[in-house]
């Protein structure tokens, strides 16, 4: 599989909770950088294609029955994403709180 984009930017619109699509094709190592956001919980959604209705939240295999979640507070932060995410070809970030302004997230991937 051909390696995709090493740095991607996706936005979450003002008053929205879901980012644009993240292309994970060929990525083996993935991290997420978030700028200042409205304090919230972030979830990761994945899919095997770009069909919007098929995105589902990722569950954390280390905690049985638990969703992967990131508590994002005021200020910038970064986090490596869960092992196994590279299995999927597309992802999105979901916030549990509508954002008070447009947010741009940076996704870093390595082959």
N, C-alpha and C. Protein backbone atom coordinates (compact mmCIF):
# COMPACT_ATOMS: atom_id res chain seq x y z
N UNK A 1 0.84 -1.17 0.00
CA UNK A 1 0.00 0.00 0.00
C UNK A 1 0.89 1.24 0.00
N UNK A 2 0.58 2.20 -0.83
CA UNK A 2 1.37 3.43 -0.93
C UNK A 2 1.18 4.28 0.32
N UNK A 3 2.28 4.92 0.74
CA UNK A 3 2.21 5.78 1.92
C UNK A 3 1.52 7.08 1.57
N UNK A 4 0.72 7.57 2.45
CA UNK A 4 -0.08 8.77 2.22
C UNK A 4 0.59 10.02 2.78
N UNK A 5 -0.18 10.95 3.25
CA UNK A 5 0.28 12.26 3.71
C UNK A 5 0.93 12.21 5.09
N UNK A 6 2.20 12.70 5.25
CA UNK A 6 2.84 12.68 6.57
C UNK A 6 2.28 13.72 7.54
N UNK A 7 1.81 14.86 7.02
CA UNK A 7 1.19 15.89 7.87
C UNK A 7 -0.12 16.29 7.21
N UNK A 8 -1.18 16.21 7.99
CA UNK A 8 -2.50 16.59 7.49
C UNK A 8 -3.15 17.56 8.45
N UNK A 9 -3.99 18.41 7.92
CA UNK A 9 -4.74 19.36 8.73
C UNK A 9 -6.22 19.13 8.47
N UNK A 10 -6.99 18.99 9.53
CA UNK A 10 -8.44 18.88 9.40
C UNK A 10 -9.07 19.90 10.33
N UNK A 11 -10.24 20.35 9.98
CA UNK A 11 -10.90 21.36 10.80
C UNK A 11 -12.18 20.82 11.41
N UNK A 12 -12.54 21.44 12.52
CA UNK A 12 -13.83 21.25 13.15
C UNK A 12 -14.47 22.63 13.08
N UNK A 13 -15.60 22.73 12.41
CA UNK A 13 -16.26 24.02 12.21
C UNK A 13 -16.77 24.59 13.53
N UNK A 14 -16.95 25.91 13.55
CA UNK A 14 -17.52 26.55 14.73
C UNK A 14 -18.89 25.94 15.01
N UNK A 15 -19.16 25.64 16.26
CA UNK A 15 -20.40 25.02 16.73
C UNK A 15 -20.55 23.56 16.29
N UNK A 16 -19.48 22.95 15.78
CA UNK A 16 -19.53 21.55 15.35
C UNK A 16 -18.77 20.67 16.33
N UNK A 17 -18.88 19.35 16.13
CA UNK A 17 -18.20 18.40 17.01
C UNK A 17 -17.35 17.38 16.26
N UNK A 18 -17.41 17.32 14.93
CA UNK A 18 -16.70 16.31 14.14
C UNK A 18 -15.73 16.97 13.18
N UNK A 19 -14.52 16.41 13.09
CA UNK A 19 -13.51 16.92 12.15
C UNK A 19 -13.78 16.39 10.75
N UNK A 20 -13.01 16.91 9.81
CA UNK A 20 -13.00 16.35 8.47
C UNK A 20 -12.28 15.01 8.49
N UNK A 21 -12.24 14.35 7.34
CA UNK A 21 -11.62 13.03 7.23
C UNK A 21 -10.10 13.11 7.31
N UNK A 22 -9.52 12.11 7.96
CA UNK A 22 -8.07 11.96 8.08
C UNK A 22 -7.69 10.71 7.28
N UNK A 23 -6.74 10.86 6.36
CA UNK A 23 -6.29 9.75 5.52
C UNK A 23 -5.17 9.00 6.24
N UNK A 24 -5.41 7.74 6.60
CA UNK A 24 -4.43 6.93 7.32
C UNK A 24 -3.77 5.88 6.44
N UNK A 25 -4.05 5.87 5.15
CA UNK A 25 -3.51 4.84 4.27
C UNK A 25 -1.98 4.78 4.33
N UNK A 26 -1.43 3.64 4.69
CA UNK A 26 0.01 3.43 4.75
C UNK A 26 0.68 3.93 6.01
N UNK A 27 -0.04 4.54 6.92
CA UNK A 27 0.56 5.06 8.15
C UNK A 27 0.76 3.95 9.17
N UNK A 28 1.89 3.95 9.84
CA UNK A 28 2.17 2.97 10.90
C UNK A 28 2.25 3.64 12.27
N UNK A 29 2.60 4.91 12.29
CA UNK A 29 2.72 5.67 13.52
C UNK A 29 1.89 6.93 13.35
N UNK A 30 1.01 7.20 14.32
CA UNK A 30 0.05 8.29 14.19
C UNK A 30 0.01 9.10 15.48
N UNK A 31 -0.03 10.43 15.34
CA UNK A 31 -0.16 11.30 16.51
C UNK A 31 -1.11 12.45 16.14
N UNK A 32 -1.72 13.03 17.15
CA UNK A 32 -2.68 14.12 16.97
C UNK A 32 -2.22 15.32 17.77
N UNK A 33 -2.20 16.49 17.14
CA UNK A 33 -1.88 17.74 17.81
C UNK A 33 -3.13 18.60 17.78
N UNK A 34 -3.53 19.10 18.92
CA UNK A 34 -4.73 19.94 19.01
C UNK A 34 -4.34 21.32 19.52
N UNK A 35 -4.81 22.36 18.86
CA UNK A 35 -4.57 23.72 19.34
C UNK A 35 -5.48 24.00 20.53
N UNK A 36 -5.55 25.22 20.93
CA UNK A 36 -6.49 25.59 21.97
C UNK A 36 -7.89 25.22 21.52
N UNK A 37 -8.58 24.45 22.33
CA UNK A 37 -9.94 24.02 22.02
C UNK A 37 -10.85 24.33 23.20
N UNK A 38 -12.14 24.30 22.96
CA UNK A 38 -13.09 24.37 24.06
C UNK A 38 -12.89 23.09 24.86
N UNK A 39 -12.68 23.19 26.15
CA UNK A 39 -12.40 22.04 27.00
C UNK A 39 -13.43 20.94 26.75
N UNK A 40 -12.95 19.72 26.47
CA UNK A 40 -13.87 18.65 26.08
C UNK A 40 -13.20 17.28 26.17
N UNK A 41 -13.98 16.28 25.83
CA UNK A 41 -13.48 14.93 25.64
C UNK A 41 -13.39 14.72 24.13
N UNK A 42 -12.30 14.13 23.67
CA UNK A 42 -12.15 13.83 22.25
C UNK A 42 -12.22 12.33 22.06
N UNK A 43 -12.91 11.90 21.04
CA UNK A 43 -13.02 10.50 20.67
C UNK A 43 -12.47 10.34 19.27
N UNK A 44 -12.08 9.14 18.92
CA UNK A 44 -11.59 8.87 17.59
C UNK A 44 -12.58 7.96 16.88
N UNK A 45 -12.97 8.35 15.68
CA UNK A 45 -13.83 7.53 14.84
C UNK A 45 -13.00 7.00 13.68
N UNK A 46 -13.26 5.77 13.26
CA UNK A 46 -12.52 5.19 12.14
C UNK A 46 -13.49 4.55 11.14
N UNK A 47 -12.95 4.30 9.95
CA UNK A 47 -13.74 3.70 8.89
C UNK A 47 -12.80 3.08 7.87
N UNK A 48 -13.29 2.14 7.08
CA UNK A 48 -12.48 1.53 6.03
C UNK A 48 -12.60 2.30 4.72
N UNK A 49 -13.56 3.21 4.62
CA UNK A 49 -13.70 4.08 3.45
C UNK A 49 -14.20 5.44 3.91
N UNK A 50 -14.67 6.27 3.02
CA UNK A 50 -15.07 7.63 3.41
C UNK A 50 -16.58 7.80 3.54
N UNK A 51 -17.32 6.69 3.57
CA UNK A 51 -18.77 6.78 3.72
C UNK A 51 -19.09 7.31 5.11
N UNK A 52 -19.68 8.48 5.17
CA UNK A 52 -19.90 9.17 6.43
C UNK A 52 -20.65 8.34 7.47
N UNK A 53 -21.68 7.62 7.04
CA UNK A 53 -22.51 6.86 7.98
C UNK A 53 -21.78 5.67 8.60
N UNK A 54 -20.63 5.28 8.05
CA UNK A 54 -19.93 4.10 8.54
C UNK A 54 -18.83 4.38 9.55
N UNK A 55 -18.59 5.64 9.90
CA UNK A 55 -17.58 5.94 10.92
C UNK A 55 -18.09 5.53 12.29
N UNK A 56 -17.23 4.83 13.05
CA UNK A 56 -17.60 4.38 14.40
C UNK A 56 -16.49 4.74 15.37
N UNK A 57 -16.84 4.90 16.64
CA UNK A 57 -15.83 5.19 17.66
C UNK A 57 -14.91 4.00 17.88
N UNK A 58 -13.67 4.31 18.20
CA UNK A 58 -12.67 3.30 18.50
C UNK A 58 -12.79 2.90 19.97
N UNK A 59 -12.69 1.63 20.24
CA UNK A 59 -12.68 1.14 21.61
C UNK A 59 -11.26 0.83 22.02
N UNK A 60 -10.94 1.05 23.27
CA UNK A 60 -9.60 0.83 23.81
C UNK A 60 -9.48 -0.62 24.25
N UNK A 61 -8.63 -1.41 23.58
CA UNK A 61 -8.52 -2.82 23.94
C UNK A 61 -7.89 -3.07 25.31
N UNK A 62 -7.24 -2.06 25.88
CA UNK A 62 -6.63 -2.24 27.20
C UNK A 62 -7.66 -2.12 28.32
N UNK A 63 -8.80 -1.52 28.04
CA UNK A 63 -9.88 -1.39 29.02
C UNK A 63 -11.14 -1.97 28.41
N UNK A 64 -11.48 -3.16 28.77
CA UNK A 64 -12.60 -3.88 28.16
C UNK A 64 -13.87 -3.02 28.19
N UNK A 65 -14.48 -2.86 27.03
CA UNK A 65 -15.72 -2.11 26.93
C UNK A 65 -15.56 -0.60 27.00
N UNK A 66 -14.33 -0.11 26.94
CA UNK A 66 -14.09 1.32 27.08
C UNK A 66 -13.71 1.96 25.75
N UNK A 67 -14.24 3.14 25.49
CA UNK A 67 -13.91 3.87 24.28
C UNK A 67 -12.58 4.59 24.45
N UNK A 68 -11.84 4.73 23.34
CA UNK A 68 -10.63 5.55 23.37
C UNK A 68 -11.09 6.98 23.56
N UNK A 69 -10.50 7.68 24.54
CA UNK A 69 -10.92 9.02 24.86
C UNK A 69 -9.71 9.84 25.28
N UNK A 70 -9.75 11.13 24.96
CA UNK A 70 -8.68 12.05 25.32
C UNK A 70 -9.32 13.27 25.95
N UNK A 71 -8.96 13.57 27.20
CA UNK A 71 -9.46 14.79 27.86
C UNK A 71 -8.60 15.96 27.39
N UNK A 72 -9.20 16.84 26.61
CA UNK A 72 -8.48 17.98 26.05
C UNK A 72 -8.92 19.23 26.79
N UNK A 73 -7.98 19.90 27.44
CA UNK A 73 -8.31 21.10 28.18
C UNK A 73 -7.92 22.34 27.42
N UNK A 74 -7.98 23.45 28.09
CA UNK A 74 -7.59 24.72 27.49
C UNK A 74 -6.09 24.70 27.22
N UNK A 75 -5.68 25.06 26.02
CA UNK A 75 -4.27 25.05 25.65
C UNK A 75 -3.96 23.95 24.68
N UNK A 76 -2.83 24.05 24.01
CA UNK A 76 -2.43 23.06 23.01
C UNK A 76 -1.97 21.77 23.68
N UNK A 77 -2.15 20.65 22.98
CA UNK A 77 -1.73 19.35 23.50
C UNK A 77 -1.51 18.40 22.33
N UNK A 78 -0.75 17.35 22.57
CA UNK A 78 -0.51 16.34 21.54
C UNK A 78 -0.56 14.96 22.18
N UNK A 79 -0.89 13.95 21.37
CA UNK A 79 -1.01 12.59 21.89
C UNK A 79 -0.75 11.59 20.76
N UNK A 80 -0.01 10.50 21.05
CA UNK A 80 0.06 9.42 20.06
C UNK A 80 -1.27 8.67 20.11
N UNK A 81 -1.73 8.19 18.97
CA UNK A 81 -3.02 7.51 18.93
C UNK A 81 -2.86 6.03 19.21
N UNK A 82 -3.97 5.39 19.57
CA UNK A 82 -4.00 4.00 19.98
C UNK A 82 -3.36 3.05 18.98
N UNK A 83 -2.71 2.04 19.49
CA UNK A 83 -2.14 0.98 18.67
C UNK A 83 -3.27 0.30 17.90
N UNK A 84 -3.02 -0.01 16.65
CA UNK A 84 -4.04 -0.67 15.83
C UNK A 84 -4.83 0.28 14.96
N UNK A 85 -4.73 1.58 15.20
CA UNK A 85 -5.47 2.56 14.40
C UNK A 85 -5.03 2.48 12.94
N UNK A 86 -3.76 2.15 12.69
CA UNK A 86 -3.26 2.10 11.31
C UNK A 86 -3.96 1.03 10.48
N UNK A 87 -4.71 0.14 11.10
CA UNK A 87 -5.47 -0.87 10.39
C UNK A 87 -6.57 -0.24 9.53
N UNK A 88 -7.04 0.92 9.94
CA UNK A 88 -8.12 1.61 9.24
C UNK A 88 -7.55 2.62 8.26
N UNK A 89 -8.29 2.91 7.20
CA UNK A 89 -7.80 3.83 6.18
C UNK A 89 -8.28 5.26 6.38
N UNK A 90 -9.28 5.47 7.22
CA UNK A 90 -9.82 6.81 7.44
C UNK A 90 -10.20 6.99 8.90
N UNK A 91 -10.09 8.23 9.36
CA UNK A 91 -10.46 8.54 10.74
C UNK A 91 -11.05 9.94 10.82
N UNK A 92 -11.66 10.23 11.94
CA UNK A 92 -12.16 11.56 12.27
C UNK A 92 -12.01 11.75 13.77
N UNK A 93 -11.91 12.99 14.19
CA UNK A 93 -11.90 13.30 15.62
C UNK A 93 -13.28 13.84 15.98
N UNK A 94 -13.81 13.36 17.09
CA UNK A 94 -15.13 13.80 17.57
C UNK A 94 -14.96 14.44 18.94
N UNK A 95 -15.50 15.63 19.11
CA UNK A 95 -15.51 16.29 20.42
C UNK A 95 -16.90 16.15 21.03
N UNK A 96 -16.97 16.00 22.35
CA UNK A 96 -18.28 15.89 22.98
C UNK A 96 -18.93 17.25 23.22
N UNK A 97 -18.20 18.33 23.01
CA UNK A 97 -18.71 19.70 23.18
C UNK A 97 -18.53 20.44 21.86
N UNK A 98 -19.58 21.12 21.42
CA UNK A 98 -19.47 21.94 20.20
C UNK A 98 -18.40 23.01 20.43
N UNK A 99 -17.55 23.20 19.45
CA UNK A 99 -16.43 24.14 19.58
C UNK A 99 -16.90 25.58 19.39
N UNK A 100 -16.34 26.49 20.19
CA UNK A 100 -16.76 27.89 20.17
C UNK A 100 -16.14 28.66 19.02
N UNK A 101 -15.22 28.03 18.28
CA UNK A 101 -14.58 28.65 17.13
C UNK A 101 -14.10 27.53 16.20
N UNK A 102 -13.68 27.88 14.99
CA UNK A 102 -13.12 26.89 14.08
C UNK A 102 -11.83 26.35 14.69
N UNK A 103 -11.64 25.04 14.69
CA UNK A 103 -10.44 24.42 15.23
C UNK A 103 -9.73 23.67 14.11
N UNK A 104 -8.43 23.82 14.04
CA UNK A 104 -7.63 23.08 13.06
C UNK A 104 -6.75 22.11 13.82
N UNK A 105 -6.89 20.82 13.51
CA UNK A 105 -6.10 19.77 14.15
C UNK A 105 -5.02 19.33 13.18
N UNK A 106 -3.85 18.98 13.69
CA UNK A 106 -2.77 18.49 12.87
C UNK A 106 -2.58 17.01 13.18
N UNK A 107 -2.52 16.20 12.12
CA UNK A 107 -2.29 14.78 12.27
C UNK A 107 -0.94 14.45 11.67
N UNK A 108 -0.10 13.80 12.45
CA UNK A 108 1.24 13.44 12.00
C UNK A 108 1.28 11.93 11.82
N UNK A 109 1.72 11.49 10.64
CA UNK A 109 1.80 10.05 10.38
C UNK A 109 3.17 9.70 9.82
N UNK A 110 3.63 8.50 10.13
CA UNK A 110 4.90 7.98 9.61
C UNK A 110 4.69 6.58 9.08
N UNK A 111 5.39 6.23 7.98
CA UNK A 111 5.24 4.87 7.43
C UNK A 111 5.90 3.83 8.32
